[in-house]
Protein backbone atom coordinates (compact mmCIF):
# COMPACT_ATOMS: atom_id res chain seq x y z
CA MET A 1 -79.06 -10.29 44.75
CA PRO A 2 -79.09 -7.28 47.15
CA LYS A 3 -77.44 -7.51 50.81
CA LYS A 4 -79.14 -8.62 53.91
CA LYS A 5 -79.27 -5.64 56.26
CA TYR A 6 -78.91 -6.58 60.01
CA VAL A 7 -82.00 -6.37 61.72
CA ALA A 8 -80.20 -6.66 65.63
CA LYS A 9 -77.34 -7.45 67.27
CA VAL A 10 -77.46 -9.68 70.52
CA ARG A 11 -74.80 -10.11 73.22
CA LEU A 12 -75.26 -13.91 74.82
CA TYR A 13 -73.09 -14.99 77.60
CA LEU A 14 -73.55 -19.00 77.76
CA GLU A 15 -71.82 -21.72 78.55
CA ALA A 16 -69.58 -23.39 76.05
CA GLY A 17 -71.57 -26.30 74.18
CA LYS A 18 -74.82 -26.06 76.33
CA ALA A 19 -77.00 -23.52 74.59
CA THR A 20 -80.88 -24.08 74.94
CA PRO A 21 -84.21 -22.87 73.49
CA ALA A 22 -84.91 -22.16 77.19
CA PRO A 23 -84.15 -18.65 78.77
CA PRO A 24 -81.69 -16.47 78.11
CA VAL A 25 -81.69 -17.86 74.53
CA GLY A 26 -85.35 -18.10 73.82
CA PRO A 27 -86.73 -14.44 74.69
CA MET A 28 -83.80 -12.64 73.53
CA LEU A 29 -83.53 -14.41 70.00
CA GLY A 30 -87.24 -15.39 69.94
CA GLN A 31 -88.23 -12.01 69.44
CA TYR A 32 -86.56 -11.63 66.57
CA GLY A 33 -87.95 -14.98 64.79
CA VAL A 34 -84.98 -16.95 64.39
CA ASN A 35 -84.68 -20.20 64.45
CA LEU A 36 -83.52 -21.04 68.14
CA MET A 37 -82.50 -24.95 67.49
CA GLU A 38 -80.75 -23.96 64.52
CA PHE A 39 -78.87 -21.63 66.45
CA CYS A 40 -78.29 -23.61 69.41
CA LYS A 41 -76.83 -26.34 67.37
CA ALA A 42 -74.55 -23.63 65.51
CA TYR A 43 -73.51 -22.21 68.78
CA ASN A 44 -72.45 -25.49 70.51
CA ALA A 45 -70.99 -26.56 67.73
CA LYS A 46 -68.53 -23.42 67.66
CA THR A 47 -67.99 -23.57 71.33
CA ALA A 48 -67.49 -27.11 72.43
CA LYS A 49 -63.84 -26.82 72.68
CA PHE A 50 -64.32 -24.50 76.10
CA ALA A 51 -66.47 -27.26 77.52
CA GLY A 52 -67.41 -26.02 80.96
CA MET A 53 -66.91 -22.10 80.28
CA THR A 54 -68.65 -19.27 79.77
CA VAL A 55 -68.51 -18.32 75.91
CA PRO A 56 -69.27 -14.65 74.83
CA ALA A 57 -70.91 -14.53 71.54
CA ILE A 58 -72.42 -11.78 69.47
CA VAL A 59 -75.56 -12.69 67.53
CA TYR A 60 -75.87 -10.72 63.86
CA ILE A 61 -79.77 -11.12 62.86
CA LYS A 62 -80.79 -10.50 59.44
CA GLU A 63 -84.01 -9.24 57.86
CA ASP A 64 -84.87 -12.70 56.69
CA ARG A 65 -84.48 -14.45 60.28
CA SER A 66 -80.95 -15.89 59.16
CA PHE A 67 -78.06 -15.08 61.75
CA GLU A 68 -74.27 -14.99 62.04
CA ILE A 69 -72.43 -15.75 65.10
CA VAL A 70 -69.23 -14.66 66.10
CA THR A 71 -68.05 -15.97 69.25
CA LYS A 72 -65.09 -14.56 71.64
CA THR A 73 -62.83 -16.55 73.88
CA PRO A 74 -63.69 -17.17 77.53
CA PRO A 75 -63.03 -14.61 79.86
CA THR A 76 -59.68 -14.10 81.21
CA SER A 77 -60.51 -14.48 84.68
CA GLU A 78 -62.46 -18.19 83.92
CA LEU A 79 -59.22 -19.06 82.30
CA ILE A 80 -57.00 -18.06 84.87
CA LEU A 81 -59.03 -20.29 87.64
CA LYS A 82 -59.63 -23.26 85.18
CA GLN A 83 -55.45 -22.86 84.91
CA LEU A 84 -55.43 -23.12 88.90
CA GLY A 85 -58.06 -25.41 89.33
CA LEU A 86 -60.19 -23.25 91.71
CA GLU A 87 -63.49 -21.90 91.69
CA LYS A 88 -63.47 -18.06 92.04
CA GLY A 89 -60.94 -15.71 93.05
CA SER A 90 -59.46 -14.12 96.31
CA ASP A 91 -61.91 -11.65 98.54
CA ASN A 92 -58.91 -9.71 99.13
CA PRO A 93 -56.29 -9.40 96.67
CA LEU A 94 -53.63 -7.35 98.52
CA LYS A 95 -53.34 -10.03 101.66
CA ASN A 96 -55.25 -13.08 100.72
CA LYS A 97 -53.28 -15.13 98.14
CA ILE A 98 -55.25 -18.01 95.84
CA GLY A 99 -52.14 -19.69 93.65
CA LYS A 100 -49.57 -19.08 91.92
CA LEU A 101 -48.67 -18.66 88.08
CA THR A 102 -45.93 -19.10 86.09
CA ARG A 103 -44.73 -17.48 82.92
CA LYS A 104 -45.41 -21.03 80.91
CA GLN A 105 -48.89 -20.71 82.37
CA LEU A 106 -49.31 -17.19 81.33
CA GLU A 107 -48.33 -17.83 77.89
CA GLU A 108 -50.83 -20.55 77.30
CA ILE A 109 -53.49 -18.07 78.58
CA ALA A 110 -52.23 -15.43 76.37
CA LYS A 111 -52.54 -17.83 73.36
CA ILE A 112 -55.79 -18.53 73.86
CA LYS A 113 -56.74 -14.56 74.48
CA MET A 114 -54.68 -13.20 71.52
CA PRO A 115 -57.10 -12.61 69.08
CA ASP A 116 -59.45 -10.90 71.71
CA LEU A 117 -56.65 -8.88 73.10
CA ASN A 118 -55.49 -5.33 71.70
CA THR A 119 -52.07 -6.35 70.96
CA ASN A 120 -50.54 -8.85 68.39
CA ASP A 121 -47.13 -8.89 70.76
CA MET A 122 -47.29 -12.03 72.82
CA GLU A 123 -45.00 -10.26 75.60
CA LYS A 124 -47.39 -7.36 76.08
CA ALA A 125 -50.17 -10.10 76.12
CA ILE A 126 -48.44 -11.87 79.12
CA ARG A 127 -48.24 -8.72 80.90
CA ILE A 128 -52.00 -7.95 80.38
CA ILE A 129 -52.89 -11.22 81.65
CA ALA A 130 -50.58 -10.94 84.58
CA GLY A 131 -52.00 -7.90 85.59
CA GLN A 132 -55.90 -9.55 85.55
CA ALA A 133 -54.37 -12.70 87.72
CA ARG A 134 -52.58 -9.96 90.37
CA ASN A 135 -56.05 -8.39 90.61
CA MET A 136 -57.62 -12.02 91.33
CA GLY A 137 -55.10 -12.44 94.25
CA VAL A 138 -52.62 -14.63 92.15
CA GLU A 139 -49.10 -14.43 92.38
CA VAL A 140 -47.31 -13.85 89.23
CA GLU A 141 -43.60 -15.54 88.26
CA LEU A 142 -42.72 -13.22 85.04
């Protein structure tokens, strides 16, 4: 049996566990003939553990209209805000600090983000997360 070729690669940023056939999913995947309800069920099942957060996904659509979903981890900024219990980052990160992250909290975020980071070293991962936090106006305790 020959391998099925991919017709398209579509990137989606949807709230975890809440995908519906309405826009943006419908128009983006409907043009390739994908079964939207099937996609929504698969996406919602894969992302249920990140409820309330945006989860990026790459959808590979095959010639026979079947698909493969590769989910990523939520954006680092969302994980940091969730850890601090805040809605948004600082409007002026150099002057207005919005909170403080401990090393333990940085480690928790780094464990979640590890599959998507370009390092396998936990110490480097923590430093990457700390840099993102500083850019958002969060004090970091290393």
